[in-house]
Amino acid sequence: MRRDVFQAIADPTRRQIINLLAGQQLNLNAVADNFDISRPAISKHIKILTECGLITIKQQGRERYCRADLKKLEQVAKWTDQYRALWTSKLDALEDFLTKEETEQKPKHT
């Protein structure tokens, strides 16, 4: 089953795993050593991240190494950018309105 990248980043543990692997390649045991949850639970998180394409696993001898593939996060960035632009324009309009209201409310001195 191919999972959605949003599903992967919805979980804080998976986000921590992505952060951990963003700067380095680690074997599964080294990843698990960074968390206070069971190795099977970490394996489940790794599986979901792999299914989403956020992590790749490479077999080297007897070890399996995980590496983050952050290209899929571009999908998240594009999605959030549309809302950032929308809310920026709304907040700019609110600022303009409040500035105008404030100017109109000031008493005029003659």
N, C-alpha and C. Protein backbone atom coordinates (compact mmCIF):
# COMPACT_ATOMS: atom_id res chain seq x y z
N MET A 1 0.84 -1.17 0.00
CA MET A 1 0.00 0.00 0.00
C MET A 1 0.89 1.24 0.00
N ARG A 2 0.62 2.15 -0.90
CA ARG A 2 1.37 3.41 -0.97
C ARG A 2 0.66 4.42 -0.09
N ARG A 3 1.37 4.97 0.84
CA ARG A 3 0.78 5.92 1.77
C ARG A 3 1.03 7.35 1.32
N ASP A 4 0.29 8.24 1.91
CA ASP A 4 0.38 9.66 1.61
C ASP A 4 1.46 10.30 2.49
N VAL A 5 2.21 11.23 1.92
CA VAL A 5 3.27 11.91 2.66
C VAL A 5 2.71 12.67 3.87
N PHE A 6 1.49 13.18 3.77
CA PHE A 6 0.87 13.89 4.88
C PHE A 6 0.60 12.94 6.04
N GLN A 7 0.27 11.72 5.72
CA GLN A 7 0.05 10.70 6.75
C GLN A 7 1.36 10.44 7.50
N ALA A 8 2.44 10.44 6.77
CA ALA A 8 3.74 10.17 7.39
C ALA A 8 4.15 11.27 8.35
N ILE A 9 3.97 12.52 7.96
CA ILE A 9 4.44 13.61 8.81
C ILE A 9 3.44 13.97 9.91
N ALA A 10 2.29 13.34 9.90
CA ALA A 10 1.28 13.61 10.94
C ALA A 10 1.73 13.11 12.31
N ASP A 11 2.61 12.14 12.32
CA ASP A 11 3.04 11.53 13.58
C ASP A 11 4.35 12.17 14.06
N PRO A 12 4.41 12.61 15.33
CA PRO A 12 5.63 13.27 15.83
C PRO A 12 6.86 12.37 15.81
N THR A 13 6.69 11.09 16.07
CA THR A 13 7.84 10.17 16.04
C THR A 13 8.40 10.08 14.64
N ARG A 14 7.53 10.00 13.65
CA ARG A 14 8.01 9.93 12.27
C ARG A 14 8.71 11.22 11.87
N ARG A 15 8.20 12.35 12.34
CA ARG A 15 8.89 13.62 12.05
C ARG A 15 10.27 13.63 12.68
N GLN A 16 10.39 13.09 13.88
CA GLN A 16 11.70 13.02 14.54
C GLN A 16 12.64 12.10 13.77
N ILE A 17 12.13 11.00 13.26
CA ILE A 17 12.95 10.09 12.47
C ILE A 17 13.44 10.79 11.21
N ILE A 18 12.57 11.52 10.54
CA ILE A 18 12.98 12.27 9.34
C ILE A 18 14.07 13.27 9.70
N ASN A 19 13.89 14.00 10.80
CA ASN A 19 14.90 14.96 11.23
C ASN A 19 16.23 14.28 11.52
N LEU A 20 16.17 13.13 12.15
CA LEU A 20 17.38 12.38 12.49
C LEU A 20 18.12 11.95 11.23
N LEU A 21 17.37 11.50 10.24
CA LEU A 21 17.99 10.98 9.01
C LEU A 21 18.26 12.05 7.97
N ALA A 22 17.80 13.26 8.19
CA ALA A 22 18.01 14.33 7.21
C ALA A 22 19.48 14.63 7.01
N GLY A 23 20.26 14.47 8.04
CA GLY A 23 21.68 14.82 7.93
C GLY A 23 22.63 13.64 7.93
N GLN A 24 22.08 12.45 8.04
CA GLN A 24 22.96 11.28 8.13
C GLN A 24 22.22 10.00 7.75
N GLN A 25 22.99 9.02 7.38
CA GLN A 25 22.47 7.68 7.08
C GLN A 25 22.74 6.82 8.31
N LEU A 26 21.73 6.11 8.79
CA LEU A 26 21.88 5.27 9.97
C LEU A 26 21.28 3.90 9.73
N ASN A 27 21.82 2.90 10.42
CA ASN A 27 21.19 1.60 10.33
C ASN A 27 19.97 1.59 11.25
N LEU A 28 19.13 0.58 11.08
CA LEU A 28 17.87 0.53 11.82
C LEU A 28 18.07 0.56 13.33
N ASN A 29 19.10 -0.15 13.82
CA ASN A 29 19.35 -0.16 15.26
C ASN A 29 19.76 1.21 15.77
N ALA A 30 20.57 1.93 15.00
CA ALA A 30 20.99 3.27 15.40
C ALA A 30 19.80 4.23 15.44
N VAL A 31 18.88 4.07 14.51
CA VAL A 31 17.67 4.90 14.53
C VAL A 31 16.89 4.58 15.81
N ALA A 32 16.67 3.31 16.08
CA ALA A 32 15.89 2.89 17.24
C ALA A 32 16.53 3.34 18.55
N ASP A 33 17.86 3.41 18.59
CA ASP A 33 18.55 3.84 19.82
C ASP A 33 18.23 5.27 20.22
N ASN A 34 17.70 6.05 19.32
CA ASN A 34 17.36 7.45 19.60
C ASN A 34 15.97 7.64 20.19
N PHE A 35 15.24 6.54 20.40
CA PHE A 35 13.85 6.64 20.85
C PHE A 35 13.59 5.71 22.03
N ASP A 36 12.64 6.10 22.85
CA ASP A 36 12.26 5.30 24.02
C ASP A 36 11.04 4.44 23.72
N ILE A 37 10.93 3.96 22.50
CA ILE A 37 9.85 3.04 22.16
C ILE A 37 10.48 1.76 21.61
N SER A 38 9.69 0.73 21.48
CA SER A 38 10.21 -0.57 21.07
C SER A 38 10.76 -0.55 19.64
N ARG A 39 11.67 -1.46 19.37
CA ARG A 39 12.22 -1.58 18.02
C ARG A 39 11.12 -1.96 17.01
N PRO A 40 10.18 -2.85 17.36
CA PRO A 40 9.09 -3.12 16.40
C PRO A 40 8.27 -1.86 16.08
N ALA A 41 8.08 -0.99 17.06
CA ALA A 41 7.34 0.26 16.81
C ALA A 41 8.14 1.16 15.86
N ILE A 42 9.44 1.23 16.06
CA ILE A 42 10.30 2.01 15.16
C ILE A 42 10.25 1.41 13.76
N SER A 43 10.30 0.09 13.68
CA SER A 43 10.24 -0.57 12.38
C SER A 43 8.93 -0.24 11.65
N LYS A 44 7.85 -0.16 12.39
CA LYS A 44 6.56 0.20 11.79
C LYS A 44 6.61 1.62 11.24
N HIS A 45 7.18 2.54 12.02
CA HIS A 45 7.31 3.92 11.56
C HIS A 45 8.21 4.00 10.32
N ILE A 46 9.30 3.26 10.33
CA ILE A 46 10.22 3.24 9.19
C ILE A 46 9.49 2.69 7.95
N LYS A 47 8.69 1.67 8.15
CA LYS A 47 7.94 1.09 7.03
C LYS A 47 7.00 2.12 6.42
N ILE A 48 6.29 2.86 7.25
CA ILE A 48 5.37 3.88 6.75
C ILE A 48 6.14 4.97 6.01
N LEU A 49 7.25 5.41 6.57
CA LEU A 49 8.06 6.43 5.91
C LEU A 49 8.62 5.93 4.58
N THR A 50 8.95 4.67 4.52
CA THR A 50 9.45 4.07 3.28
C THR A 50 8.33 4.00 2.24
N GLU A 51 7.14 3.59 2.68
CA GLU A 51 6.00 3.51 1.77
C GLU A 51 5.62 4.87 1.21
N CYS A 52 5.89 5.92 1.98
CA CYS A 52 5.60 7.28 1.52
C CYS A 52 6.71 7.86 0.66
N GLY A 53 7.82 7.18 0.61
CA GLY A 53 8.95 7.66 -0.19
C GLY A 53 9.81 8.69 0.53
N LEU A 54 9.64 8.82 1.84
CA LEU A 54 10.44 9.78 2.60
C LEU A 54 11.75 9.18 3.10
N ILE A 55 11.82 7.87 3.10
CA ILE A 55 13.04 7.18 3.53
C ILE A 55 13.33 6.07 2.53
N THR A 56 14.59 5.91 2.22
CA THR A 56 15.01 4.76 1.41
C THR A 56 15.88 3.88 2.30
N ILE A 57 15.81 2.60 2.05
CA ILE A 57 16.61 1.64 2.82
C ILE A 57 17.52 0.91 1.85
N LYS A 58 18.78 0.85 2.22
CA LYS A 58 19.78 0.18 1.40
C LYS A 58 20.45 -0.92 2.23
N GLN A 59 20.47 -2.10 1.66
CA GLN A 59 21.11 -3.23 2.31
C GLN A 59 22.61 -3.16 2.06
N GLN A 60 23.39 -3.21 3.12
CA GLN A 60 24.85 -3.25 3.02
C GLN A 60 25.32 -4.40 3.91
N GLY A 61 25.62 -5.51 3.29
CA GLY A 61 25.97 -6.70 4.07
C GLY A 61 24.76 -7.15 4.86
N ARG A 62 24.97 -7.29 6.16
CA ARG A 62 23.86 -7.71 7.03
C ARG A 62 23.05 -6.54 7.56
N GLU A 63 23.53 -5.35 7.34
CA GLU A 63 22.87 -4.15 7.86
C GLU A 63 21.96 -3.50 6.83
N ARG A 64 20.90 -2.90 7.33
CA ARG A 64 19.99 -2.11 6.49
C ARG A 64 20.13 -0.66 6.93
N TYR A 65 20.49 0.21 5.99
CA TYR A 65 20.71 1.62 6.30
C TYR A 65 19.57 2.47 5.76
N CYS A 66 19.15 3.41 6.58
CA CYS A 66 18.06 4.32 6.24
C CYS A 66 18.64 5.68 5.87
N ARG A 67 18.03 6.27 4.87
CA ARG A 67 18.42 7.61 4.43
C ARG A 67 17.14 8.38 4.10
N ALA A 68 17.10 9.64 4.51
CA ALA A 68 15.93 10.47 4.21
C ALA A 68 15.98 10.90 2.75
N ASP A 69 14.83 10.90 2.12
CA ASP A 69 14.68 11.42 0.76
C ASP A 69 13.63 12.52 0.86
N LEU A 70 14.10 13.74 0.99
CA LEU A 70 13.21 14.86 1.34
C LEU A 70 12.50 15.49 0.15
N LYS A 71 12.70 14.94 -1.05
CA LYS A 71 12.02 15.50 -2.23
C LYS A 71 10.51 15.44 -2.08
N LYS A 72 10.00 14.42 -1.43
CA LYS A 72 8.55 14.28 -1.25
C LYS A 72 7.97 15.39 -0.38
N LEU A 73 8.81 16.02 0.44
CA LEU A 73 8.32 17.09 1.29
C LEU A 73 7.99 18.34 0.47
N GLU A 74 8.45 18.40 -0.77
CA GLU A 74 8.08 19.51 -1.65
C GLU A 74 6.56 19.55 -1.84
N GLN A 75 5.94 18.38 -1.86
CA GLN A 75 4.48 18.29 -1.98
C GLN A 75 3.82 19.01 -0.80
N VAL A 76 4.37 18.82 0.38
CA VAL A 76 3.83 19.47 1.58
C VAL A 76 4.07 20.98 1.49
N ALA A 77 5.26 21.37 1.06
CA ALA A 77 5.59 22.80 0.96
C ALA A 77 4.66 23.50 -0.03
N LYS A 78 4.40 22.88 -1.16
CA LYS A 78 3.51 23.49 -2.15
C LYS A 78 2.10 23.64 -1.59
N TRP A 79 1.64 22.63 -0.89
CA TRP A 79 0.30 22.67 -0.32
C TRP A 79 0.18 23.77 0.73
N THR A 80 1.18 23.88 1.61
CA THR A 80 1.13 24.90 2.64
C THR A 80 1.35 26.30 2.07
N ASP A 81 2.12 26.42 1.00
CA ASP A 81 2.37 27.72 0.39
C ASP A 81 1.09 28.38 -0.10
N GLN A 82 0.17 27.59 -0.64
CA GLN A 82 -1.08 28.19 -1.11
C GLN A 82 -1.86 28.81 0.04
N TYR A 83 -1.81 28.19 1.21
CA TYR A 83 -2.51 28.73 2.36
C TYR A 83 -1.74 29.88 2.99
N ARG A 84 -0.43 29.82 2.92
CA ARG A 84 0.39 30.92 3.41
C ARG A 84 0.06 32.19 2.62
N ALA A 85 -0.02 32.06 1.30
CA ALA A 85 -0.33 33.21 0.45
C ALA A 85 -1.73 33.73 0.77
N LEU A 86 -2.69 32.84 0.93
CA LEU A 86 -4.06 33.24 1.25
C LEU A 86 -4.11 34.01 2.56
N TRP A 87 -3.50 33.44 3.61
CA TRP A 87 -3.57 34.08 4.92
C TRP A 87 -2.72 35.35 4.98
N THR A 88 -1.65 35.41 4.24
CA THR A 88 -0.86 36.64 4.19
C THR A 88 -1.69 37.77 3.60
N SER A 89 -2.40 37.48 2.52
CA SER A 89 -3.24 38.54 1.92
C SER A 89 -4.37 38.94 2.86
N LYS A 90 -4.96 37.98 3.54
CA LYS A 90 -6.04 38.30 4.49
C LYS A 90 -5.52 39.14 5.66
N LEU A 91 -4.36 38.78 6.17
CA LEU A 91 -3.80 39.52 7.29
C LEU A 91 -3.34 40.92 6.86
N ASP A 92 -2.82 41.03 5.64
CA ASP A 92 -2.46 42.35 5.12
C ASP A 92 -3.70 43.23 5.00
N ALA A 93 -4.80 42.66 4.52
CA ALA A 93 -6.06 43.42 4.40
C ALA A 93 -6.56 43.83 5.78
N LEU A 94 -6.44 42.96 6.75
CA LEU A 94 -6.86 43.29 8.12
C LEU A 94 -6.00 44.42 8.67
N GLU A 95 -4.70 44.35 8.43
CA GLU A 95 -3.80 45.41 8.89
C GLU A 95 -4.19 46.75 8.26
N ASP A 96 -4.45 46.75 6.97
CA ASP A 96 -4.87 47.97 6.28
C ASP A 96 -6.17 48.52 6.88
N PHE A 97 -7.11 47.64 7.13
CA PHE A 97 -8.39 48.05 7.71
C PHE A 97 -8.19 48.65 9.10
N LEU A 98 -7.39 47.99 9.94
CA LEU A 98 -7.17 48.49 11.30
C LEU A 98 -6.42 49.82 11.29
N THR A 99 -5.48 49.96 10.39
CA THR A 99 -4.75 51.23 10.28
C THR A 99 -5.71 52.35 9.88
N LYS A 100 -6.57 52.05 8.92
CA LYS A 100 -7.55 53.05 8.47
C LYS A 100 -8.50 53.41 9.61
N GLU A 101 -8.97 52.40 10.35
CA GLU A 101 -9.87 52.64 11.48
C GLU A 101 -9.19 53.48 12.55
N GLU A 102 -7.95 53.17 12.83
CA GLU A 102 -7.20 53.90 13.84
C GLU A 102 -7.03 55.37 13.43
N THR A 103 -6.74 55.59 12.17
CA THR A 103 -6.57 56.96 11.65
C THR A 103 -7.88 57.73 11.74
N GLU A 104 -8.96 57.09 11.43
CA GLU A 104 -10.27 57.74 11.46
C GLU A 104 -10.73 58.01 12.89
N GLN A 105 -10.27 57.22 13.86
CA GLN A 105 -10.69 57.36 15.25
C GLN A 105 -9.92 58.44 15.98
N LYS A 106 -8.75 58.83 15.49
CA LYS A 106 -7.95 59.84 16.16
C LYS A 106 -8.69 61.19 16.14
N PRO A 107 -8.69 61.87 17.29
CA PRO A 107 -9.33 63.20 17.30
C PRO A 107 -8.52 64.18 16.47
N LYS A 108 -9.21 65.02 15.77
CA LYS A 108 -8.55 66.01 14.92
C LYS A 108 -8.37 67.29 15.71
N HIS A 109 -7.18 67.81 15.68
CA HIS A 109 -6.86 69.07 16.37
C HIS A 109 -6.93 70.21 15.36
N THR A 110 -7.53 71.27 15.77
CA THR A 110 -7.60 72.45 14.90
C THR A 110 -6.83 73.60 15.48
